[in-house]
Amino acid sequence: MSFFRFLTFALFAIAFSSCKQEGEGLNFQNRSIAYSLSQEPPTLSSIGPVSSVAFTVQAHIFEGLMRMDENKKLVGGVAESWEIKKNSAKFKLRHNATWSDGSPVTAHDFVFAWQIASSPTNEYNFIMAPIKNSAQVAKGELDLDQLGVKAIDDHTLIVEFAYPCAYFPTLTTFVSFMPIKESFFNKFPGREYASNSEKILYNGPFTISRWTKETQINLSKNPHYWNSGEVWLNTIKMPIIDQPKTVLNMFVSKDVCMASLDADNIKSALQQRLPMSTYKSGFVLYVEYNQREGRLTQNKKLRKAISLVISSYDVVNKVLGTPGNLTAPSIFPSWLPGSEGDLHREYNFVPNPVDYKKGSSRICVICNN
């Protein structure tokens, strides 16, 4: 039984508010904005540990081969041109793409980063699957240098595919595909790399000007970014606040320009008639059981029985209770398009049925045994 058959639900859209009036949260004169992080990022390393909070910061300080523009269209990032074939891809890098210390971003930086991202120790190595030999490298069956990516020269990157992958350029916008400068990385062994603002190098539109643990992260416009002339903002302030009610109050006082809404504070927002909007987050949340040796949930039949008494509809609409969340018919969000229609329909996914009577009786029998 695949863990994809466990309870799954999609965080399809999150209700949030955006500032209409200028204040500390949105300062046109200083070209700055402020919005909160719900917790301290465990690291800002592009090779993990993975964290959605870290993604928020990483999206501003790193840039991959490709990026999404303001119209959500795929455009060149570090890559100025690219060619995708059935079995391979070729990317030509910009000569004016640089790190935050002014040194050039090269094809070798991508090779080094992708090799580490594919290693057995990286929890997100599965996302490198389209690259030739990635599966074997992830299992430790092949050395890192056997990964199907090569730097022909400083500005030419060749990628060999494990299978045809037309969507590969889009995949390179994900954080795991960000470059890493090897000489800088090797100065900070283990998890020391990217643990604070002095131990990380960036190549995106912003750099970290302040990182006070458990308090705030501030970003400043990166003067070395190849496209800095098109970056309007000078500063992004990210106070770290784990109380949604506090964040909503800060939004009302114009101290932040955005506040995510949950089941508790959405009523208050509605009563105050605050401006709201929604967006597709792309997150899919699921429950995965502990299957380690000696755990009760290692029993496959028990996991099947539990899945019969969990209703995704009830979890999303009664437990979470936040408007905007949708139940997912599969691990693929309901809105994700396939080649002709909905992707989850093209894969002929059969929903896991909810049968409280059958599931409860099975759980009792298994646990009593």
Protein backbone atom coordinates (compact mmCIF):
# COMPACT_ATOMS: atom_id res chain seq x y z
CA MET A 1 0.00 0.00 0.00
CA SER A 2 1.52 3.28 -1.09
CA PHE A 3 1.62 6.12 1.43
CA PHE A 4 -0.21 8.13 -1.23
CA ARG A 5 -3.31 6.13 -0.27
CA PHE A 6 -3.20 7.53 3.24
CA LEU A 7 -5.23 10.57 4.12
CA THR A 8 -4.41 13.30 1.64
CA PHE A 9 -5.73 16.78 1.25
CA ALA A 10 -4.58 19.78 -0.75
CA LEU A 11 -3.90 23.19 0.67
CA PHE A 12 -5.36 24.58 -2.53
CA ALA A 13 -5.86 28.20 -1.58
CA ILE A 14 -5.07 30.17 1.55
CA ALA A 15 -7.16 33.16 2.50
CA PHE A 16 -5.03 36.19 3.12
CA SER A 17 -5.17 39.97 3.30
CA SER A 18 -3.07 42.53 1.47
CA CYS A 19 -2.38 46.13 2.37
CA LYS A 20 -4.11 48.87 0.47
CA GLN A 21 -2.79 51.74 2.57
CA GLU A 22 0.81 52.64 3.18
CA GLY A 23 2.45 51.94 6.53
CA GLU A 24 5.41 50.01 7.91
CA GLY A 25 4.09 46.91 6.16
CA LEU A 26 4.11 48.67 2.81
CA ASN A 27 6.34 51.72 2.45
CA PHE A 28 6.44 53.13 -1.07
CA GLN A 29 8.91 55.87 -0.21
CA ASN A 30 11.51 53.43 1.09
CA ARG A 31 10.42 50.70 -1.32
CA SER A 32 10.01 48.18 1.47
CA ILE A 33 7.43 45.63 2.62
CA ALA A 34 7.03 43.50 5.72
CA TYR A 35 5.32 40.15 6.19
CA SER A 36 5.78 37.55 8.88
CA LEU A 37 7.27 34.07 9.03
CA SER A 38 5.47 31.57 11.24
CA GLN A 39 8.69 30.10 12.66
CA GLU A 40 12.47 30.16 12.51
CA PRO A 41 13.82 28.43 9.36
CA PRO A 42 15.92 25.41 10.44
CA THR A 43 18.43 26.34 7.72
CA LEU A 44 18.52 28.30 4.48
CA SER A 45 20.61 25.71 2.70
CA SER A 46 19.08 24.71 -0.62
CA ILE A 47 19.87 21.07 0.18
CA GLY A 48 17.78 21.02 3.34
CA PRO A 49 16.47 20.09 5.78
CA VAL A 50 13.36 20.98 3.82
CA SER A 51 11.04 23.62 5.29
CA SER A 52 8.16 25.58 3.77
CA VAL A 53 9.20 28.57 5.90
CA ALA A 54 12.72 28.35 4.50
CA PHE A 55 11.25 28.22 0.98
CA THR A 56 9.77 31.69 1.54
CA VAL A 57 13.21 33.16 2.20
CA GLN A 58 15.10 31.01 -0.32
CA ALA A 59 12.79 32.12 -3.13
CA HIS A 60 14.16 35.66 -2.69
CA ILE A 61 17.86 34.97 -2.21
CA PHE A 62 18.51 32.20 -4.75
CA GLU A 63 17.93 31.85 -8.46
CA GLY A 64 18.04 28.70 -10.56
CA LEU A 65 18.51 28.18 -14.26
CA MET A 66 14.90 29.24 -14.80
CA ARG A 67 12.45 31.45 -12.91
CA MET A 68 8.82 32.53 -13.02
CA ASP A 69 8.12 36.12 -14.04
CA GLU A 70 5.40 38.42 -12.68
CA ASN A 71 2.92 36.80 -15.08
CA LYS A 72 3.79 33.30 -13.78
CA LYS A 73 5.45 32.43 -17.07
CA LEU A 74 8.69 30.47 -17.26
CA VAL A 75 11.66 32.64 -18.26
CA GLY A 76 15.43 32.39 -18.04
CA GLY A 77 17.09 32.91 -14.69
CA VAL A 78 20.81 32.15 -14.64
CA ALA A 79 20.25 30.50 -18.03
CA GLU A 80 19.97 32.88 -20.96
CA SER A 81 19.08 30.11 -23.42
CA TRP A 82 18.19 26.43 -23.30
CA GLU A 83 17.49 23.49 -25.57
CA ILE A 84 15.45 20.49 -24.47
CA LYS A 85 15.73 17.19 -26.36
CA LYS A 86 14.26 13.76 -25.72
CA ASN A 87 17.27 12.44 -23.83
CA SER A 88 19.11 15.58 -22.76
CA ALA A 89 19.04 19.33 -22.16
CA LYS A 90 21.57 22.09 -22.78
CA PHE A 91 21.65 25.35 -20.84
CA LYS A 92 23.78 28.38 -21.68
CA LEU A 93 24.46 30.52 -18.61
CA ARG A 94 24.58 34.30 -18.49
CA HIS A 95 28.07 35.77 -18.30
CA ASN A 96 26.80 38.50 -15.94
CA ALA A 97 25.20 36.13 -13.39
CA THR A 98 27.15 36.55 -10.14
CA TRP A 99 27.18 35.52 -6.50
CA SER A 100 26.57 38.08 -3.77
CA ASP A 101 30.35 38.40 -3.34
CA GLY A 102 30.70 39.46 -6.99
CA SER A 103 32.21 36.18 -8.26
CA PRO A 104 30.63 34.57 -11.35
CA VAL A 105 27.99 31.84 -11.15
CA THR A 106 29.23 28.96 -13.29
CA ALA A 107 27.95 25.66 -14.64
CA HIS A 108 30.26 23.95 -12.13
CA ASP A 109 28.21 25.47 -9.29
CA PHE A 110 25.12 23.68 -10.58
CA VAL A 111 26.94 20.37 -11.03
CA PHE A 112 28.25 20.50 -7.46
CA ALA A 113 24.85 21.44 -6.00
CA TRP A 114 22.90 18.82 -7.93
CA GLN A 115 25.32 16.07 -6.97
CA ILE A 116 24.83 16.89 -3.28
CA ALA A 117 21.07 17.17 -3.77
CA SER A 118 21.07 13.65 -5.28
CA SER A 119 23.11 12.08 -2.49
CA PRO A 120 21.66 9.41 -0.15
CA THR A 121 21.75 11.83 2.80
CA ASN A 122 19.48 14.41 1.17
CA GLU A 123 15.83 13.84 2.10
CA TYR A 124 14.66 15.53 -1.12
CA ASN A 125 16.87 13.53 -3.49
CA PHE A 126 13.79 12.04 -5.18
CA ILE A 127 13.09 15.32 -6.95
CA MET A 128 16.29 14.85 -8.99
CA ALA A 129 14.78 11.67 -10.51
CA PRO A 130 14.65 12.91 -14.15
CA ILE A 131 18.45 13.16 -14.24
CA LYS A 132 20.29 10.09 -15.49
CA ASN A 133 21.64 7.83 -12.71
CA SER A 134 19.90 9.89 -10.02
CA ALA A 135 18.10 6.85 -8.58
CA GLN A 136 21.35 4.88 -8.29
CA VAL A 137 23.21 7.83 -6.77
CA ALA A 138 20.41 8.34 -4.23
CA LYS A 139 20.72 4.69 -3.16
CA GLY A 140 24.50 4.90 -2.88
CA GLU A 141 24.98 2.45 -5.75
CA LEU A 142 26.89 5.02 -7.84
CA ASP A 143 29.27 7.82 -6.89
CA LEU A 144 28.06 11.42 -7.06
CA ASP A 145 30.16 12.15 -10.14
CA GLN A 146 28.13 9.56 -12.06
CA LEU A 147 25.08 11.82 -12.00
CA GLY A 148 24.05 12.80 -15.53
CA VAL A 149 25.03 16.45 -15.39
CA LYS A 150 28.23 17.99 -16.77
CA ALA A 151 29.81 21.42 -17.14
CA ILE A 152 31.28 21.61 -20.65
CA ASP A 153 32.74 24.98 -19.73
CA ASP A 154 31.96 27.73 -17.22
CA HIS A 155 28.78 28.72 -19.03
CA THR A 156 27.49 25.50 -20.61
CA LEU A 157 25.58 22.86 -18.66
CA ILE A 158 24.56 19.51 -20.17
CA VAL A 159 21.91 17.36 -18.48
CA GLU A 160 21.26 13.74 -19.47
CA PHE A 161 17.77 12.44 -18.71
CA ALA A 162 16.80 9.13 -17.13
CA TYR A 163 13.61 9.41 -19.20
CA PRO A 164 12.08 12.07 -21.49
CA CYS A 165 11.27 15.11 -19.34
CA ALA A 166 9.72 18.04 -21.19
CA TYR A 167 8.94 19.80 -17.89
CA PHE A 168 12.56 19.79 -16.71
CA PRO A 169 13.06 23.58 -17.20
CA THR A 170 10.16 24.23 -14.82
CA LEU A 171 11.68 21.81 -12.30
CA THR A 172 14.86 23.92 -12.16
CA THR A 173 12.94 26.71 -10.43
CA PHE A 174 12.67 24.51 -7.33
CA VAL A 175 15.06 25.18 -4.46
CA SER A 176 16.88 21.81 -4.72
CA PHE A 177 18.15 22.87 -8.15
CA MET A 178 19.75 26.11 -6.92
CA PRO A 179 23.54 26.43 -7.43
CA ILE A 180 26.11 26.18 -4.62
CA LYS A 181 29.65 27.56 -4.81
CA GLU A 182 31.86 24.64 -3.78
CA SER A 183 34.79 26.65 -2.37
CA PHE A 184 32.47 28.62 -0.10
CA PHE A 185 30.42 25.57 0.92
CA ASN A 186 33.52 23.65 2.02
CA LYS A 187 34.40 26.36 4.54
CA PHE A 188 31.46 25.33 6.70
CA PRO A 189 31.25 21.56 7.31
CA GLY A 190 28.09 19.70 8.24
CA ARG A 191 25.03 21.79 8.96
CA GLU A 192 27.12 24.87 9.70
CA TYR A 193 26.64 26.02 6.10
CA ALA A 194 23.68 28.44 5.74
CA SER A 195 23.10 28.47 9.51
CA ASN A 196 23.42 32.27 9.64
CA SER A 197 23.86 35.24 7.30
CA GLU A 198 27.67 35.01 7.36
CA LYS A 199 27.76 31.41 6.23
CA ILE A 200 25.73 31.52 3.05
CA LEU A 201 26.28 32.90 -0.42
CA TYR A 202 23.40 34.02 -2.64
CA ASN A 203 22.84 34.60 -6.35
CA GLY A 204 19.24 35.89 -6.29
CA PRO A 205 17.72 39.37 -6.21
CA PHE A 206 18.11 39.77 -2.43
CA THR A 207 20.69 39.15 0.28
CA ILE A 208 20.23 38.73 4.04
CA SER A 209 21.03 41.96 5.86
CA ARG A 210 19.78 40.76 9.25
CA TRP A 211 19.08 37.34 10.73
CA THR A 212 18.25 37.48 14.43
CA LYS A 213 17.31 33.99 15.54
CA GLU A 214 13.66 33.51 16.52
CA THR A 215 13.07 37.24 15.94
CA GLN A 216 13.44 38.57 12.41
CA ILE A 217 15.03 38.15 8.99
CA ASN A 218 15.59 41.19 6.79
CA LEU A 219 16.46 41.06 3.10
CA SER A 220 18.13 43.79 1.05
CA LYS A 221 18.37 44.27 -2.69
CA ASN A 222 21.41 42.44 -4.10
CA PRO A 223 23.55 44.91 -6.09
CA HIS A 224 25.38 42.00 -7.74
CA TYR A 225 22.21 40.41 -9.14
CA TRP A 226 22.34 40.38 -12.96
CA ASN A 227 18.82 41.83 -13.25
CA SER A 228 18.93 44.20 -10.25
CA GLY A 229 17.68 47.10 -12.36
CA GLU A 230 14.28 45.41 -12.58
CA VAL A 231 14.01 44.79 -8.82
CA TRP A 232 11.82 47.56 -7.38
CA LEU A 233 11.98 46.64 -3.70
CA ASN A 234 14.93 47.69 -1.57
CA THR A 235 13.99 45.85 1.63
CA ILE A 236 11.85 42.94 2.78
CA LYS A 237 11.30 42.60 6.53
CA MET A 238 10.24 39.22 7.90
CA PRO A 239 9.42 39.22 11.62
CA ILE A 240 9.10 35.70 13.05
CA ILE A 241 5.71 35.38 14.76
CA ASP A 242 4.00 32.08 15.54
CA GLN A 243 0.66 33.52 16.66
CA PRO A 244 -1.81 34.10 13.77
CA LYS A 245 -3.89 36.46 15.92
CA THR A 246 -0.84 38.65 16.54
CA VAL A 247 -0.06 38.75 12.83
CA LEU A 248 -3.64 39.76 12.04
CA ASN A 249 -3.42 42.59 14.59
CA MET A 250 -0.17 43.72 12.97
CA PHE A 251 -1.91 43.73 9.61
CA VAL A 252 -4.69 45.92 10.97
CA SER A 253 -2.08 48.34 12.35
CA LYS A 254 -0.29 48.24 8.96
CA ASP A 255 2.89 46.71 10.42
CA VAL A 256 2.75 43.81 7.92
CA CYS A 257 1.28 43.78 4.43
CA MET A 258 -0.10 40.25 4.51
CA ALA A 259 -1.64 37.91 7.07
CA SER A 260 -2.55 34.29 6.48
CA LEU A 261 -5.93 33.36 7.87
CA ASP A 262 -6.87 30.24 9.81
CA ALA A 263 -10.07 28.91 11.34
CA ASP A 264 -9.60 31.09 14.44
CA ASN A 265 -8.82 34.52 13.02
CA ILE A 266 -10.85 34.42 9.81
CA LYS A 267 -14.01 35.29 11.74
CA SER A 268 -12.35 38.38 13.14
CA ALA A 269 -11.14 39.37 9.67
CA LEU A 270 -14.64 38.99 8.27
CA GLN A 271 -16.14 41.07 11.07
CA GLN A 272 -13.65 43.84 10.37
CA ARG A 273 -14.33 43.57 6.63
CA LEU A 274 -10.64 43.32 5.84
CA PRO A 275 -9.63 42.88 2.19
CA MET A 276 -9.08 39.21 1.33
CA SER A 277 -7.82 37.21 -1.59
CA THR A 278 -6.87 33.61 -2.36
CA TYR A 279 -4.06 31.90 -4.22
CA LYS A 280 -3.03 28.39 -5.18
CA SER A 281 -0.26 27.42 -2.84
CA GLY A 282 0.59 24.11 -4.54
CA PHE A 283 1.00 22.35 -1.18
CA VAL A 284 -0.35 18.84 -0.70
CA LEU A 285 -0.53 17.61 2.87
CA TYR A 286 -0.81 13.97 3.87
CA VAL A 287 -0.56 11.70 6.89
CA GLU A 288 2.27 9.17 6.87
CA TYR A 289 2.50 6.48 9.52
CA ASN A 290 5.56 5.51 11.53
CA GLN A 291 6.63 2.18 10.04
CA ARG A 292 9.81 1.61 12.02
CA GLU A 293 10.53 -1.72 13.67
CA GLY A 294 8.40 -2.39 16.72
CA ARG A 295 5.74 0.21 15.93
CA LEU A 296 2.12 -0.88 15.85
CA THR A 297 1.59 1.08 12.65
CA GLN A 298 4.21 -1.05 10.93
CA ASN A 299 1.31 -3.47 10.41
CA LYS A 300 0.09 -2.95 6.83
CA LYS A 301 -3.41 -4.24 7.59
CA LEU A 302 -3.74 -1.78 10.45
CA ARG A 303 -2.77 1.11 8.19
CA LYS A 304 -5.38 -0.01 5.67
CA ALA A 305 -8.00 -0.20 8.40
CA ILE A 306 -7.17 3.30 9.70
CA SER A 307 -7.45 4.69 6.18
CA LEU A 308 -11.04 3.41 6.05
CA VAL A 309 -12.10 5.57 9.01
CA ILE A 310 -10.39 8.82 8.02
CA SER A 311 -12.42 11.23 5.93
CA SER A 312 -10.41 13.83 4.04
CA TYR A 313 -13.57 15.89 3.75
CA ASP A 314 -14.02 15.99 7.54
CA VAL A 315 -10.35 16.78 8.16
CA VAL A 316 -10.36 19.69 5.72
CA ASN A 317 -13.77 21.13 6.46
CA LYS A 318 -14.28 20.31 10.15
CA VAL A 319 -10.81 19.91 11.69
CA LEU A 320 -8.94 22.58 9.74
CA GLY A 321 -12.09 24.54 8.99
CA THR A 322 -10.34 27.24 6.96
CA PRO A 323 -12.05 28.37 3.75
CA GLY A 324 -9.84 27.80 0.71
CA ASN A 325 -8.59 24.31 1.57
CA LEU A 326 -9.84 21.54 -0.71
CA THR A 327 -9.83 17.79 -0.31
CA ALA A 328 -7.53 16.08 -2.80
CA PRO A 329 -8.69 13.15 -4.91
CA SER A 330 -5.08 11.90 -4.96
CA ILE A 331 -1.54 13.09 -4.31
CA PHE A 332 -2.09 15.26 -7.41
CA PRO A 333 -4.07 18.44 -6.54
CA SER A 334 -7.48 18.60 -8.19
CA TRP A 335 -6.51 21.73 -10.15
CA LEU A 336 -3.27 20.33 -11.60
CA PRO A 337 -3.63 19.95 -15.39
CA GLY A 338 -2.48 16.87 -17.31
CA SER A 339 -1.90 16.50 -21.03
CA GLU A 340 -5.60 16.77 -21.86
CA GLY A 341 -7.61 17.09 -18.63
CA ASP A 342 -7.10 16.82 -14.87
CA LEU A 343 -3.89 14.96 -14.06
CA HIS A 344 -5.45 12.85 -11.30
CA ARG A 345 -8.10 11.60 -13.72
CA GLU A 346 -5.55 10.72 -16.38
CA TYR A 347 -3.78 8.49 -13.87
CA ASN A 348 -7.04 6.65 -13.12
CA PHE A 349 -6.75 7.18 -9.40
CA VAL A 350 -9.32 5.23 -7.36
CA PRO A 351 -10.30 7.18 -4.21
CA ASN A 352 -9.83 5.42 -0.90
CA PRO A 353 -13.38 4.71 0.39
CA VAL A 354 -14.53 5.72 3.85
CA ASP A 355 -16.24 2.85 5.67
CA TYR A 356 -16.43 3.50 9.42
CA LYS A 357 -18.06 0.16 10.29
CA LYS A 358 -15.63 -1.95 8.30
CA GLY A 359 -12.58 0.06 9.35
CA SER A 360 -13.45 0.09 13.07
CA SER A 361 -14.05 -3.64 13.19
CA ARG A 362 -10.72 -4.34 11.48
CA ILE A 363 -8.83 -2.06 13.89
CA CYS A 364 -10.38 -3.83 16.90
CA VAL A 365 -9.46 -7.27 15.56
CA ILE A 366 -5.87 -6.27 14.71
CA CYS A 367 -5.21 -4.48 18.00
CA ASN A 368 -6.72 -7.31 20.08
CA ASN A 369 -4.42 -9.77 18.33
